[in-house]
Amino acid sequence: MAMKRTKLINDPAELVALFRSVDSPGRRAVLARLAEGWTPTSELQSSFGEEAFGAITYFEKFKLVESRWEVLDGKPEKAYRTFYNAFQISTSLNFVEARELLTVVLMKETEFEALEVKILEMVGEGGCFANDISRELELTSLQLKGLVRRSVKFDYRGHNIVPIKEEK
């Protein structure tokens, strides 16, 4: 019997990751498949194409999925499934904060990508103090946290934003 695991969301910025994890028909379909149980990458690719890998990358950053190696047809292959069965949201936002977060969630992809490029330039190889990025781009700290939660290219390490190195 599968263990029931509930993700507690008490940081409002985490709502961005949750909402964006189901923001397209492709991501919703991949997440629904992974909720059914362990699914090998070959099956994900044949069902959803390259979009599956973008979805998995996003889900992994937010620890929404777990992975394990399975041997299929004599070859090792990664398989994934959802990590959580439910979400418990325990946070409060004032109207301004809700508006700031929803602006990040609903931001057009082109606008988001332009901001992502600016942040990546500032972050460079070694990272950058989050407050410096907020000040330079005229973002509130909550908006910046939301943008970081939406991106798979950088993350927080303490008070700094650092690039996420791709696994080889």
Protein backbone atom coordinates (compact mmCIF):
# COMPACT_ATOMS: atom_id res chain seq x y z
CA MET A 1 0.00 0.00 0.00
CA ALA A 2 1.37 3.43 -0.94
CA MET A 3 2.23 5.79 1.85
CA LYS A 4 0.18 8.98 1.96
CA ARG A 5 2.41 12.04 1.91
CA THR A 6 1.14 15.58 2.23
CA LYS A 7 3.24 18.59 1.27
CA LEU A 8 2.76 21.47 3.67
CA ILE A 9 2.93 24.83 1.93
CA ASN A 10 3.48 27.64 4.40
CA ASP A 11 5.61 29.94 2.21
CA PRO A 12 3.36 31.94 -0.14
CA ALA A 13 6.01 31.82 -2.90
CA GLU A 14 5.63 28.03 -2.98
CA LEU A 15 2.15 28.59 -4.39
CA VAL A 16 3.81 29.77 -7.61
CA ALA A 17 5.53 26.39 -8.00
CA LEU A 18 2.29 24.55 -7.26
CA PHE A 19 0.19 26.57 -9.71
CA ARG A 20 2.85 26.48 -12.44
CA SER A 21 3.22 22.70 -12.10
CA VAL A 22 -0.24 22.33 -13.67
CA ASP A 23 -0.25 25.42 -15.92
CA SER A 24 -0.31 23.56 -19.23
CA PRO A 25 -2.19 20.53 -20.55
CA GLY A 26 1.16 18.73 -21.01
CA ARG A 27 2.36 19.25 -17.43
CA ARG A 28 -1.06 18.28 -16.07
CA ALA A 29 -1.04 15.08 -18.13
CA VAL A 30 2.51 14.14 -17.08
CA LEU A 31 1.71 14.81 -13.41
CA ALA A 32 -1.51 12.76 -13.66
CA ARG A 33 0.42 9.83 -15.15
CA LEU A 34 3.07 10.02 -12.42
CA ALA A 35 0.34 10.08 -9.76
CA GLU A 36 -0.72 6.61 -11.00
CA GLY A 37 2.65 5.11 -10.03
CA TRP A 38 6.20 4.49 -11.22
CA THR A 39 6.55 5.40 -14.89
CA PRO A 40 9.76 4.83 -16.89
CA THR A 41 11.20 7.72 -18.93
CA SER A 42 10.74 5.76 -22.19
CA GLU A 43 7.00 5.52 -21.51
CA LEU A 44 6.84 9.22 -20.64
CA GLN A 45 8.66 10.13 -23.83
CA SER A 46 6.47 7.93 -26.04
CA SER A 47 3.31 9.35 -24.45
CA PHE A 48 4.27 13.03 -24.09
CA GLY A 49 7.37 13.59 -26.25
CA GLU A 50 10.07 16.07 -25.24
CA GLU A 51 7.57 18.01 -23.11
CA ALA A 52 7.85 15.20 -20.55
CA PHE A 53 11.48 16.07 -19.80
CA GLY A 54 10.73 19.77 -19.25
CA ALA A 55 7.91 18.81 -16.90
CA ILE A 56 10.11 16.34 -14.99
CA THR A 57 12.85 18.97 -14.60
CA TYR A 58 10.31 21.39 -13.17
CA PHE A 59 8.77 18.78 -10.86
CA GLU A 60 12.20 17.71 -9.59
CA LYS A 61 13.18 21.25 -8.58
CA PHE A 62 10.13 21.45 -6.33
CA LYS A 63 10.45 17.87 -5.08
CA LEU A 64 7.05 16.97 -6.50
CA VAL A 65 8.42 13.70 -7.93
CA GLU A 66 10.84 11.02 -6.86
CA SER A 67 12.90 8.77 -9.09
CA ARG A 68 14.50 5.34 -9.04
CA TRP A 69 16.40 3.17 -11.49
CA GLU A 70 14.59 0.22 -13.02
CA VAL A 71 15.87 -2.41 -15.44
CA LEU A 72 13.70 -2.68 -18.54
CA ASP A 73 14.65 -5.03 -21.37
CA GLY A 74 18.06 -5.48 -19.75
CA LYS A 75 18.79 -1.73 -19.69
CA PRO A 76 18.74 0.58 -16.67
CA GLU A 77 16.23 3.39 -16.99
CA LYS A 78 14.96 6.07 -14.64
CA ALA A 79 11.34 5.92 -13.53
CA TYR A 80 9.35 8.63 -11.74
CA ARG A 81 6.25 8.99 -9.61
CA THR A 82 4.68 11.82 -7.63
CA PHE A 83 6.11 12.30 -4.17
CA TYR A 84 2.98 13.79 -2.60
CA ASN A 85 -0.62 12.60 -2.60
CA ALA A 86 -2.00 15.88 -1.23
CA PHE A 87 -1.16 19.48 -0.40
CA GLN A 88 -2.00 21.38 2.75
CA ILE A 89 -1.84 25.12 2.24
CA SER A 90 -1.35 27.06 5.44
CA THR A 91 -0.40 30.63 4.66
CA SER A 92 -1.92 34.05 4.57
CA LEU A 93 -1.42 36.91 2.16
CA ASN A 94 -2.63 40.45 2.19
CA PHE A 95 -4.14 41.81 -1.01
CA VAL A 96 -0.88 43.36 -2.25
CA GLU A 97 1.06 40.10 -1.70
CA ALA A 98 -1.65 38.07 -3.45
CA ARG A 99 -1.52 40.45 -6.41
CA GLU A 100 2.31 40.21 -6.55
CA LEU A 101 2.28 36.40 -6.54
CA LEU A 102 -0.55 36.07 -9.04
CA THR A 103 1.28 38.50 -11.33
CA VAL A 104 4.24 36.07 -11.34
CA VAL A 105 2.01 33.01 -11.81
CA LEU A 106 0.05 34.55 -14.69
CA MET A 107 2.97 36.38 -16.34
CA LYS A 108 3.26 35.69 -20.08
CA GLU A 109 6.07 33.30 -20.95
CA THR A 110 7.91 35.95 -23.02
CA GLU A 111 7.85 38.45 -20.16
CA PHE A 112 9.02 35.78 -17.71
CA GLU A 113 11.84 34.66 -20.00
CA ALA A 114 13.06 38.26 -20.38
CA LEU A 115 13.25 38.61 -16.57
CA GLU A 116 14.84 35.17 -16.27
CA VAL A 117 17.61 36.22 -18.69
CA LYS A 118 18.27 39.42 -16.70
CA ILE A 119 18.43 37.48 -13.44
CA LEU A 120 20.75 34.87 -14.98
CA GLU A 121 23.10 37.64 -16.18
CA MET A 122 23.21 39.10 -12.66
CA VAL A 123 23.65 35.68 -11.04
CA GLY A 124 26.55 34.69 -13.31
CA GLU A 125 28.51 31.59 -12.31
CA GLY A 126 28.81 32.28 -8.58
CA GLY A 127 25.48 33.75 -7.55
CA CYS A 128 24.22 37.14 -6.45
CA PHE A 129 22.69 38.55 -3.28
CA ALA A 130 18.89 38.38 -3.68
CA ASN A 131 18.32 41.91 -2.33
CA ASP A 132 20.68 43.32 -4.99
CA ILE A 133 18.61 41.61 -7.71
CA SER A 134 15.33 42.87 -6.20
CA ARG A 135 16.67 46.42 -6.06
CA GLU A 136 18.17 46.36 -9.57
CA LEU A 137 15.04 44.92 -11.22
CA GLU A 138 12.62 46.88 -9.00
CA LEU A 139 10.94 43.75 -7.67
CA THR A 140 9.65 43.07 -4.18
CA SER A 141 11.32 40.20 -2.36
CA LEU A 142 8.08 38.20 -2.71
CA GLN A 143 7.98 38.78 -6.50
CA LEU A 144 11.61 37.66 -6.75
CA LYS A 145 10.91 34.55 -4.66
CA GLY A 146 7.99 33.76 -6.95
CA LEU A 147 10.18 34.18 -10.06
CA VAL A 148 12.82 31.88 -8.55
CA ARG A 149 10.10 29.30 -7.81
CA ARG A 150 8.94 29.52 -11.42
CA SER A 151 12.40 29.04 -12.96
CA VAL A 152 14.42 25.85 -13.32
CA LYS A 153 17.59 27.84 -14.09
CA PHE A 154 18.36 29.25 -10.63
CA ASP A 155 17.47 28.75 -6.98
CA TYR A 156 18.11 30.17 -3.54
CA ARG A 157 21.16 29.24 -1.51
CA GLY A 158 20.83 31.17 1.72
CA HIS A 159 20.30 34.83 0.80
CA ASN A 160 21.88 34.38 -2.63
CA ILE A 161 20.40 33.29 -5.92
CA VAL A 162 22.65 30.80 -7.68
CA PRO A 163 22.50 29.06 -11.05
CA ILE A 164 21.32 25.47 -11.10
CA LYS A 165 24.01 23.32 -12.70
CA GLU A 166 22.64 20.74 -15.11
CA GLU A 167 23.46 17.14 -14.30
CA LYS A 168 25.67 15.46 -16.88
